[in-house]
């Protein structure tokens, strides 16, 4: 089992599985409502030139997150 890292630290093109979301803040609730739950597989598609925002793909659609929001999502990189 690989170590969990923040979604904001995942390299572009990497695949991962969500392990934990912070329970604090309205953005966390909104992410859960959109289907970003523990156990969800995702791919980091790209980042903006300055590293913020990030585009992730999961459950068949693309979502753009602020880097500050992505720091509250722990993921486990997969091969």
N, C-alpha and C. Protein backbone atom coordinates (compact mmCIF):
# COMPACT_ATOMS: atom_id res chain seq x y z
N UNK A 1 0.84 -1.17 0.00
CA UNK A 1 0.00 0.00 0.00
C UNK A 1 0.88 1.24 0.00
N UNK A 2 0.68 2.11 -0.97
CA UNK A 2 1.47 3.33 -1.09
C UNK A 2 1.03 4.35 -0.05
N UNK A 3 1.92 5.27 0.25
CA UNK A 3 1.60 6.31 1.22
C UNK A 3 0.63 7.32 0.61
N UNK A 4 -0.23 7.86 1.42
CA UNK A 4 -1.17 8.87 0.95
C UNK A 4 -0.46 10.22 0.84
N UNK A 5 -0.83 10.97 -0.20
CA UNK A 5 -0.31 12.32 -0.40
C UNK A 5 -1.49 13.25 -0.67
N UNK A 6 -1.23 14.53 -0.64
CA UNK A 6 -2.27 15.50 -0.97
C UNK A 6 -2.51 15.49 -2.47
N UNK A 7 -3.74 15.71 -2.87
CA UNK A 7 -4.06 15.78 -4.29
C UNK A 7 -3.25 16.87 -4.98
N UNK A 8 -2.97 17.94 -4.28
CA UNK A 8 -2.18 19.04 -4.85
C UNK A 8 -0.74 18.64 -5.16
N UNK A 9 -0.26 17.52 -4.58
CA UNK A 9 1.11 17.05 -4.80
C UNK A 9 1.21 15.98 -5.88
N UNK A 10 0.07 15.53 -6.40
CA UNK A 10 0.05 14.47 -7.41
C UNK A 10 0.59 15.01 -8.73
N UNK A 11 1.47 14.28 -9.41
CA UNK A 11 1.99 14.75 -10.70
C UNK A 11 0.93 14.66 -11.80
N UNK A 12 1.05 15.54 -12.78
CA UNK A 12 0.12 15.56 -13.91
C UNK A 12 0.14 14.22 -14.63
N UNK A 13 -1.04 13.70 -14.94
CA UNK A 13 -1.18 12.43 -15.65
C UNK A 13 -1.25 11.23 -14.72
N UNK A 14 -1.03 11.44 -13.43
CA UNK A 14 -1.03 10.33 -12.48
C UNK A 14 -2.45 9.93 -12.10
N UNK A 15 -2.60 8.66 -11.79
CA UNK A 15 -3.88 8.10 -11.34
C UNK A 15 -3.79 7.89 -9.83
N UNK A 16 -4.92 8.04 -9.16
CA UNK A 16 -4.93 7.87 -7.71
C UNK A 16 -6.33 7.48 -7.24
N UNK A 17 -6.40 7.05 -6.01
CA UNK A 17 -7.67 6.73 -5.36
C UNK A 17 -7.80 7.64 -4.14
N UNK A 18 -8.95 8.26 -4.00
CA UNK A 18 -9.20 9.14 -2.86
C UNK A 18 -9.25 8.29 -1.60
N UNK A 19 -8.51 8.70 -0.58
CA UNK A 19 -8.49 7.98 0.69
C UNK A 19 -9.23 8.75 1.78
N UNK A 20 -9.16 10.08 1.75
CA UNK A 20 -9.78 10.86 2.82
C UNK A 20 -10.00 12.29 2.37
N UNK A 21 -11.11 12.88 2.80
CA UNK A 21 -11.39 14.30 2.58
C UNK A 21 -11.51 14.97 3.93
N UNK A 22 -10.98 16.17 4.02
CA UNK A 22 -11.12 16.93 5.25
C UNK A 22 -12.60 17.22 5.48
N UNK A 23 -13.00 17.23 6.71
CA UNK A 23 -14.41 17.49 7.02
C UNK A 23 -14.68 18.97 7.25
N UNK A 24 -13.67 19.80 7.17
CA UNK A 24 -13.83 21.22 7.45
C UNK A 24 -14.11 22.01 6.16
N UNK A 25 -14.97 22.99 6.27
CA UNK A 25 -15.19 23.94 5.19
C UNK A 25 -16.28 23.56 4.22
N UNK A 26 -16.88 24.57 3.60
CA UNK A 26 -17.96 24.34 2.65
C UNK A 26 -17.50 23.66 1.36
N UNK A 27 -16.25 23.85 0.97
CA UNK A 27 -15.74 23.22 -0.26
C UNK A 27 -15.72 21.71 -0.10
N UNK A 28 -15.42 21.23 1.09
CA UNK A 28 -15.39 19.79 1.35
C UNK A 28 -16.77 19.16 1.14
N UNK A 29 -17.78 19.80 1.64
CA UNK A 29 -19.15 19.32 1.47
C UNK A 29 -19.52 19.33 -0.01
N UNK A 30 -19.16 20.37 -0.70
CA UNK A 30 -19.48 20.50 -2.13
C UNK A 30 -18.79 19.39 -2.93
N UNK A 31 -17.54 19.07 -2.61
CA UNK A 31 -16.82 18.00 -3.31
C UNK A 31 -17.51 16.66 -3.10
N UNK A 32 -17.98 16.40 -1.90
CA UNK A 32 -18.69 15.15 -1.61
C UNK A 32 -20.00 15.08 -2.41
N UNK A 33 -20.70 16.21 -2.47
CA UNK A 33 -21.95 16.26 -3.23
C UNK A 33 -21.71 15.97 -4.71
N UNK A 34 -20.53 16.33 -5.22
CA UNK A 34 -20.21 16.10 -6.63
C UNK A 34 -19.66 14.69 -6.87
N UNK A 35 -19.53 13.89 -5.82
CA UNK A 35 -19.12 12.51 -5.99
C UNK A 35 -17.68 12.20 -5.67
N UNK A 36 -16.93 13.15 -5.16
CA UNK A 36 -15.53 12.91 -4.80
C UNK A 36 -15.52 12.34 -3.38
N UNK A 37 -15.61 11.01 -3.31
CA UNK A 37 -15.71 10.30 -2.04
C UNK A 37 -14.52 9.36 -1.86
N UNK A 38 -14.30 8.91 -0.65
CA UNK A 38 -13.24 7.94 -0.40
C UNK A 38 -13.48 6.71 -1.26
N UNK A 39 -12.43 6.23 -1.92
CA UNK A 39 -12.52 5.07 -2.79
C UNK A 39 -12.71 5.42 -4.26
N UNK A 40 -12.92 6.70 -4.56
CA UNK A 40 -13.11 7.14 -5.94
C UNK A 40 -11.78 7.22 -6.67
N UNK A 41 -11.71 6.61 -7.86
CA UNK A 41 -10.51 6.69 -8.69
C UNK A 41 -10.53 8.01 -9.46
N UNK A 42 -9.36 8.63 -9.60
CA UNK A 42 -9.28 9.89 -10.34
C UNK A 42 -7.96 9.99 -11.07
N UNK A 43 -7.90 10.94 -12.00
CA UNK A 43 -6.68 11.23 -12.75
C UNK A 43 -6.47 12.74 -12.72
N UNK A 44 -5.25 13.17 -12.44
CA UNK A 44 -4.93 14.59 -12.53
C UNK A 44 -4.62 14.88 -13.99
N UNK A 45 -5.50 15.60 -14.65
CA UNK A 45 -5.39 15.84 -16.08
C UNK A 45 -4.34 16.90 -16.39
N UNK A 46 -4.44 18.05 -15.70
CA UNK A 46 -3.46 19.13 -15.94
C UNK A 46 -3.59 20.18 -14.85
N UNK A 47 -2.58 21.04 -14.83
CA UNK A 47 -2.59 22.19 -13.93
C UNK A 47 -2.38 23.44 -14.76
N UNK A 48 -2.79 24.56 -14.23
CA UNK A 48 -2.54 25.83 -14.89
C UNK A 48 -1.05 26.13 -14.84
N UNK A 49 -0.55 27.04 -15.67
CA UNK A 49 0.89 27.32 -15.70
C UNK A 49 1.51 27.67 -14.35
N UNK A 50 0.77 28.33 -13.48
CA UNK A 50 1.31 28.69 -12.17
C UNK A 50 0.95 27.64 -11.11
N UNK A 51 0.35 26.51 -11.52
CA UNK A 51 0.04 25.43 -10.60
C UNK A 51 -1.33 25.51 -9.95
N UNK A 52 -2.11 26.53 -10.29
CA UNK A 52 -3.43 26.71 -9.69
C UNK A 52 -4.36 27.29 -10.73
N UNK A 53 -5.45 26.69 -11.07
CA UNK A 53 -6.11 25.53 -10.49
C UNK A 53 -5.64 24.20 -11.09
N UNK A 54 -6.23 23.10 -10.58
CA UNK A 54 -5.95 21.75 -11.05
C UNK A 54 -7.20 21.20 -11.72
N UNK A 55 -7.01 20.40 -12.75
CA UNK A 55 -8.15 19.73 -13.40
C UNK A 55 -8.03 18.24 -13.15
N UNK A 56 -9.07 17.65 -12.56
CA UNK A 56 -9.10 16.22 -12.29
C UNK A 56 -10.27 15.59 -13.04
N UNK A 57 -10.10 14.32 -13.38
CA UNK A 57 -11.16 13.57 -14.04
C UNK A 57 -11.55 12.40 -13.14
N UNK A 58 -12.84 12.30 -12.85
CA UNK A 58 -13.35 11.17 -12.09
C UNK A 58 -14.83 11.00 -12.41
N UNK A 59 -15.30 9.77 -12.32
CA UNK A 59 -16.70 9.44 -12.59
C UNK A 59 -17.19 9.97 -13.94
N UNK A 60 -16.28 10.05 -14.92
CA UNK A 60 -16.67 10.43 -16.28
C UNK A 60 -16.75 11.91 -16.56
N UNK A 61 -16.36 12.77 -15.63
CA UNK A 61 -16.36 14.19 -15.93
C UNK A 61 -15.12 14.88 -15.36
N UNK A 62 -14.89 16.09 -15.83
CA UNK A 62 -13.73 16.87 -15.43
C UNK A 62 -14.16 17.91 -14.41
N UNK A 63 -13.32 18.12 -13.41
CA UNK A 63 -13.59 19.09 -12.35
C UNK A 63 -12.33 19.91 -12.13
N UNK A 64 -12.52 21.21 -12.01
CA UNK A 64 -11.40 22.11 -11.73
C UNK A 64 -11.45 22.51 -10.27
N UNK A 65 -10.33 22.35 -9.57
CA UNK A 65 -10.23 22.67 -8.15
C UNK A 65 -9.14 23.69 -7.91
N UNK A 66 -9.36 24.53 -6.93
CA UNK A 66 -8.28 25.40 -6.48
C UNK A 66 -7.25 24.52 -5.76
N UNK A 67 -6.02 24.95 -5.81
CA UNK A 67 -4.96 24.19 -5.13
C UNK A 67 -5.24 24.12 -3.63
N UNK A 68 -5.79 25.18 -3.06
CA UNK A 68 -6.10 25.20 -1.63
C UNK A 68 -7.17 24.16 -1.29
N UNK A 69 -8.10 23.90 -2.20
CA UNK A 69 -9.10 22.85 -1.99
C UNK A 69 -8.49 21.47 -2.14
N UNK A 70 -7.60 21.32 -3.12
CA UNK A 70 -6.96 20.02 -3.38
C UNK A 70 -6.05 19.59 -2.23
N UNK A 71 -5.60 20.53 -1.43
CA UNK A 71 -4.74 20.18 -0.30
C UNK A 71 -5.49 19.45 0.82
N UNK A 72 -6.81 19.50 0.78
CA UNK A 72 -7.62 18.84 1.80
C UNK A 72 -8.08 17.44 1.36
N UNK A 73 -7.60 17.00 0.20
CA UNK A 73 -7.96 15.69 -0.33
C UNK A 73 -6.72 14.79 -0.30
N UNK A 74 -6.76 13.72 0.48
CA UNK A 74 -5.65 12.77 0.52
C UNK A 74 -5.92 11.66 -0.48
N UNK A 75 -4.92 11.34 -1.30
CA UNK A 75 -5.07 10.31 -2.32
C UNK A 75 -3.92 9.32 -2.21
N UNK A 76 -4.14 8.14 -2.75
CA UNK A 76 -3.11 7.11 -2.82
C UNK A 76 -2.80 6.89 -4.29
N UNK A 77 -1.60 7.24 -4.74
CA UNK A 77 -1.24 7.04 -6.16
C UNK A 77 -1.32 5.56 -6.54
N UNK A 78 -1.77 5.29 -7.76
CA UNK A 78 -1.83 3.93 -8.30
C UNK A 78 -1.00 3.86 -9.56
N UNK A 79 -0.69 2.66 -9.97
CA UNK A 79 0.14 2.45 -11.16
C UNK A 79 -0.63 2.69 -12.44
